[in-house]
Protein backbone atom coordinates (compact mmCIF):
# COMPACT_ATOMS: atom_id res chain seq x y z
CA MET A 1 -17.00 124.08 17.67
CA LEU A 2 -13.44 123.04 16.80
CA GLN A 3 -12.35 126.67 16.89
CA ARG A 4 -13.84 127.06 20.37
CA VAL A 5 -12.02 123.92 21.60
CA LEU A 6 -8.72 125.16 20.18
CA SER A 7 -9.30 128.52 21.84
CA VAL A 8 -9.86 126.87 25.22
CA ILE A 9 -6.72 124.74 24.81
CA GLY A 10 -4.72 127.82 23.90
CA ALA A 11 -5.99 129.71 26.95
CA TYR A 12 -5.18 126.74 29.18
CA LYS A 13 -1.60 126.59 27.88
CA ILE A 14 -1.13 130.31 28.48
CA TYR A 15 -2.45 129.98 32.04
CA GLU A 16 -0.27 126.94 32.65
CA LYS A 17 2.83 128.84 31.52
CA TRP A 18 1.87 131.84 33.67
CA LEU A 19 1.56 129.61 36.74
CA TRP A 20 4.87 127.93 35.96
CA LEU A 21 6.62 131.30 35.82
CA GLN A 22 5.10 132.19 39.18
CA VAL A 23 6.31 129.12 41.06
CA LYS A 24 9.44 127.91 39.28
CA ASN A 25 11.87 130.02 41.31
CA GLY A 26 10.10 129.67 44.65
CA ILE A 27 10.64 127.17 47.46
CA LYS A 28 9.58 123.76 46.23
CA PRO A 29 8.14 121.05 48.48
CA GLU A 30 10.60 118.17 48.71
CA HIS A 31 7.94 115.60 49.55
CA ILE A 32 4.32 115.78 48.39
CA ALA A 33 1.62 113.28 49.25
CA ILE A 34 -1.75 113.01 47.51
CA ILE A 35 -4.99 111.31 48.46
CA LEU A 36 -6.34 110.19 45.08
CA ASP A 37 -10.07 110.65 45.64
CA GLY A 38 -13.05 110.85 43.35
CA ASN A 39 -12.65 108.09 40.74
CA ARG A 40 -16.14 106.69 41.29
CA ARG A 41 -17.85 110.08 41.46
CA TRP A 42 -16.03 111.10 38.29
CA ALA A 43 -17.37 107.98 36.57
CA ASN A 44 -20.91 108.72 37.78
CA ASP A 45 -20.67 112.15 36.16
CA GLN A 46 -19.71 110.44 32.90
CA GLU A 47 -22.69 108.04 32.79
CA SER A 48 -24.05 109.71 29.67
CA ASN A 49 -20.77 108.99 27.85
CA PRO A 50 -21.25 105.80 25.79
CA TRP A 51 -17.48 105.45 25.32
CA LEU A 52 -16.73 105.12 29.03
CA VAL A 53 -15.62 101.52 29.59
CA ASP A 54 -14.54 101.75 33.23
CA LYS A 55 -17.66 102.41 35.28
CA TRP A 56 -15.62 103.30 38.36
CA GLY A 57 -13.06 105.57 36.70
CA HIS A 58 -10.04 103.71 38.08
CA ASN A 59 -8.35 103.35 34.69
CA GLN A 60 -8.66 107.08 34.14
CA GLY A 61 -7.31 107.66 37.63
CA ALA A 62 -4.31 105.44 36.90
CA ASP A 63 -3.63 107.42 33.71
CA THR A 64 -3.61 110.61 35.76
CA VAL A 65 -1.06 109.05 38.13
CA GLU A 66 1.27 108.44 35.19
CA GLN A 67 0.91 112.08 34.13
CA LEU A 68 1.50 113.28 37.68
CA LEU A 69 4.77 111.39 37.95
CA ASP A 70 6.00 113.11 34.78
CA TRP A 71 5.04 116.51 36.20
CA CYS A 72 6.78 115.80 39.51
CA GLN A 73 10.00 114.85 37.74
CA MET A 74 9.74 117.95 35.57
CA PHE A 75 9.46 120.00 38.75
CA GLY A 76 12.20 118.09 40.59
CA LEU A 77 9.98 116.79 43.39
CA LYS A 78 12.08 114.02 44.92
CA TYR A 79 9.51 112.26 47.10
CA VAL A 80 5.94 111.47 46.03
CA THR A 81 3.56 109.39 48.13
CA LEU A 82 0.16 108.44 46.72
CA TYR A 83 -2.78 107.07 48.70
CA THR A 84 -4.22 104.56 46.25
CA PHE A 85 -6.07 101.91 48.30
CA SER A 86 -6.83 101.83 52.01
CA THR A 87 -7.42 98.88 54.31
CA GLU A 88 -11.02 100.15 54.60
CA ASN A 89 -11.44 99.90 50.82
CA PHE A 90 -11.54 96.10 51.14
CA SER A 91 -15.18 96.50 52.21
CA ARG A 92 -16.16 97.72 48.73
CA ASN A 93 -17.98 95.83 46.02
CA PRO A 94 -15.90 92.66 45.25
CA GLU A 95 -16.18 93.37 41.53
CA GLU A 96 -14.71 96.83 42.01
CA ILE A 97 -11.91 95.50 44.22
CA ALA A 98 -11.02 92.89 41.59
CA LYS A 99 -10.91 95.64 38.95
CA ILE A 100 -8.61 97.78 41.11
CA MET A 101 -6.27 94.85 41.75
CA GLN A 102 -6.14 94.06 38.04
CA ILE A 103 -5.33 97.65 37.12
CA ALA A 104 -2.71 97.87 39.88
CA GLU A 105 -0.96 94.72 38.69
CA GLU A 106 -0.93 95.97 35.09
CA ARG A 107 0.50 99.34 36.11
CA PHE A 108 3.19 97.91 38.40
CA ARG A 109 4.25 95.54 35.59
CA LYS A 110 4.42 98.58 33.34
CA LEU A 111 6.61 100.43 35.85
CA LEU A 112 9.03 97.51 35.80
CA THR A 113 9.98 98.30 32.19
CA ASP A 114 9.26 102.05 32.25
CA GLU A 115 12.34 103.80 30.89
CA ARG A 116 11.53 106.89 33.01
CA VAL A 117 11.99 104.82 36.14
CA HIS A 118 15.43 103.47 35.18
CA ARG A 119 16.71 106.59 33.44
CA ASN A 120 15.84 108.79 36.44
CA LYS A 121 16.81 106.21 39.10
CA VAL A 122 13.36 106.08 40.70
CA HIS A 123 12.95 104.00 43.84
CA VAL A 124 9.46 102.47 43.77
CA LYS A 125 8.01 101.31 47.07
CA ILE A 126 4.63 100.05 48.23
CA ILE A 127 3.72 101.03 51.79
CA GLY A 128 0.98 99.12 53.57
CA ARG A 129 -0.02 95.56 54.38
CA ALA A 130 0.91 94.05 51.04
CA ASN A 131 0.26 90.56 52.41
CA LEU A 132 -3.48 91.31 52.09
CA LEU A 133 -3.19 91.68 48.31
CA PRO A 134 -3.65 88.92 45.67
CA THR A 135 -0.53 86.81 45.13
CA SER A 136 -0.08 87.89 41.51
CA LEU A 137 -0.16 91.56 42.56
CA GLN A 138 2.28 90.87 45.39
CA ASN A 139 4.64 89.28 42.84
CA ALA A 140 4.41 92.33 40.57
CA ILE A 141 5.13 94.60 43.53
CA THR A 142 8.12 92.49 44.59
CA ASP A 143 9.55 92.57 41.07
CA VAL A 144 9.40 96.35 40.70
CA GLU A 145 10.70 96.95 44.24
CA LYS A 146 13.69 94.64 43.68
CA ALA A 147 14.46 96.22 40.32
CA THR A 148 14.57 99.73 41.83
CA GLU A 149 15.77 99.11 45.39
CA ASN A 150 19.20 100.67 44.76
CA TYR A 151 17.86 103.82 43.08
CA ASP A 152 17.82 107.00 45.17
CA CYS A 153 17.30 110.00 42.90
CA TYR A 154 13.51 109.92 43.20
CA PHE A 155 11.10 108.01 45.42
CA TRP A 156 7.60 107.00 44.30
CA ASN A 157 5.60 105.51 47.15
CA PHE A 158 2.23 103.87 46.63
CA ALA A 159 0.14 103.47 49.78
CA PHE A 160 -1.70 100.26 48.96
CA ALA A 161 -3.70 98.24 51.51
CA TYR A 162 -2.62 101.10 53.74
CA GLY A 163 -4.00 102.51 56.99
CA GLY A 164 -2.34 105.14 59.16
CA ARG A 165 -3.44 103.48 62.38
CA ALA A 166 -2.33 100.08 61.07
CA GLU A 167 1.10 101.56 60.28
CA ILE A 168 1.51 102.83 63.85
CA VAL A 169 0.28 99.53 65.30
CA ASP A 170 2.70 97.55 63.11
CA ALA A 171 5.59 99.78 64.19
CA ALA A 172 4.63 99.42 67.86
CA LYS A 173 4.45 95.61 67.54
CA THR A 174 7.90 95.43 65.95
CA ILE A 175 9.38 97.62 68.69
CA ALA A 176 7.66 95.56 71.39
CA MET A 177 9.11 92.34 69.97
CA LYS A 178 12.60 93.86 69.84
CA VAL A 179 12.33 95.06 73.43
CA LYS A 180 11.07 91.63 74.52
CA SER A 181 13.97 89.85 72.77
CA GLY A 182 16.52 92.24 74.22
CA GLU A 183 17.50 93.75 70.85
CA LEU A 184 16.19 97.15 71.94
CA ASN A 185 16.19 98.88 75.31
CA VAL A 186 12.85 100.48 76.21
CA ASP A 187 14.67 103.69 77.15
CA GLU A 188 15.85 103.94 73.54
CA VAL A 189 12.29 104.23 72.26
CA ASN A 190 11.55 107.84 71.33
CA GLU A 191 10.08 109.74 68.39
CA THR A 192 13.25 109.45 66.33
CA SER A 193 13.72 105.73 66.89
CA PHE A 194 9.99 105.06 66.39
CA GLU A 195 10.18 106.51 62.88
CA LYS A 196 12.67 103.81 61.92
CA TYR A 197 9.85 101.26 62.09
CA LEU A 198 7.28 103.12 60.00
CA TYR A 199 6.48 102.06 56.43
CA THR A 200 8.25 105.21 55.19
CA SER A 201 11.56 104.47 56.94
CA HIS A 202 13.34 103.90 53.61
CA MET A 203 13.28 107.67 52.98
CA THR A 204 15.36 110.38 54.62
CA LYS A 205 12.40 112.76 54.17
CA GLN A 206 9.49 110.84 55.65
CA ASP A 207 7.22 113.77 56.51
CA PRO A 208 5.36 115.32 53.55
CA ASP A 209 5.73 119.07 53.15
CA MET A 210 2.31 119.14 51.53
CA ILE A 211 -0.67 116.79 51.45
CA ILE A 212 -3.25 117.25 48.70
CA ARG A 213 -6.69 115.65 48.67
CA THR A 214 -8.86 115.78 45.58
CA SER A 215 -12.68 115.52 45.25
CA GLY A 216 -13.59 118.29 47.70
CA GLU A 217 -13.48 116.10 50.81
CA GLU A 218 -11.60 117.70 53.71
CA ARG A 219 -10.13 114.94 55.88
CA LEU A 220 -7.02 112.75 55.92
CA SER A 221 -8.88 109.43 56.17
CA GLY A 222 -6.02 107.81 58.06
CA PHE A 223 -3.31 108.88 55.62
CA LEU A 224 0.21 109.24 57.07
CA LEU A 225 -1.14 110.05 60.54
CA TRP A 226 2.31 110.13 62.15
CA GLN A 227 4.13 111.84 59.27
CA ALA A 228 1.47 114.52 58.64
CA ALA A 229 1.95 116.36 61.95
CA TYR A 230 3.31 119.52 60.27
CA SER A 231 2.26 118.99 56.66
CA GLU A 232 0.48 121.76 54.79
CA LEU A 233 -2.99 120.51 53.84
CA LEU A 234 -4.70 121.44 50.57
CA PHE A 235 -8.17 120.25 49.60
CA LEU A 236 -9.05 120.60 45.93
CA ASP A 237 -12.56 120.53 44.50
CA VAL A 238 -11.62 118.38 41.52
CA TYR A 239 -12.03 114.63 41.04
CA TRP A 240 -8.73 112.77 40.69
CA PRO A 241 -9.15 111.75 36.99
CA ASP A 242 -9.59 115.46 36.15
CA PHE A 243 -6.45 116.57 38.05
CA ARG A 244 -4.29 118.68 35.73
CA LEU A 245 -0.86 120.24 35.75
CA ILE A 246 -2.42 123.59 36.61
CA ASP A 247 -3.91 122.02 39.75
CA LEU A 248 -0.44 120.90 40.85
CA LEU A 249 1.06 124.29 40.03
CA ARG A 250 -1.68 126.12 41.96
CA ALA A 251 -1.15 123.81 44.93
CA ILE A 252 2.57 124.56 44.90
CA ARG A 253 1.80 128.29 44.67
CA VAL A 254 -0.40 128.01 47.78
CA PHE A 255 2.37 126.09 49.55
CA GLN A 256 4.88 128.81 48.71
CA HIS A 257 2.64 131.44 50.31
CA ARG A 258 2.18 129.51 53.57
CA LYS A 259 4.19 130.61 56.63
CA ARG A 260 5.63 127.42 58.10
CA ARG A 261 6.56 127.79 61.78
CA PHE A 262 6.55 124.14 62.92
CA GLY A 263 5.13 125.12 66.31
CA SER A 264 7.78 127.75 67.03
């Protein structure tokens, strides 16, 4: 049995290296966004595992996020935006929501002292209606955002309490108030100026080159509705906790083979 496991690991490493050689010299996406889907279904598949503590799989999903951020830095991907919790998710089981908030607070506190973040000058930002989150989580978010606000080598964005329609509505409200107060002329409102009021306005590259969704579902579920106009979409039949480096490499390989015309 051990020999078989070692054989599988060896084959995986060979395949991983082969994929890396295929994509390393190709065009790399500058901004990738991922819809982290499938934590609960992954946990349901593990019900026979007596060692599984987290019945929803969110801890395992958070571990995969930490791995992903290492892979993205290894590959030099400057902008990463992760869909972690939507405004619609507040309708879930209160016990599950409390668990997610607890995990999120723990992980943001961990980011605050993560040497990778400070060594690589990573700007950490939460996009969404953070005011809907528990106060202790809001404090953790504020701390990590303040500690990294002057970094600009990498950008890690966590869409938390996020909705694409809510983002557009919030931007429209801000613009309307500025027009009403005389700070902004209505004739100055166009696509370029509108983007300055989106949650992603802190980045020079707001639009993702590639959006990945795990779990086999094939929809955006309100994710980056404005920014995704010309994003390449990839839907992977793997639950988020099982996402591996080879899945990222294969996604990048698909991206490199796409012909991007941007409507021209």
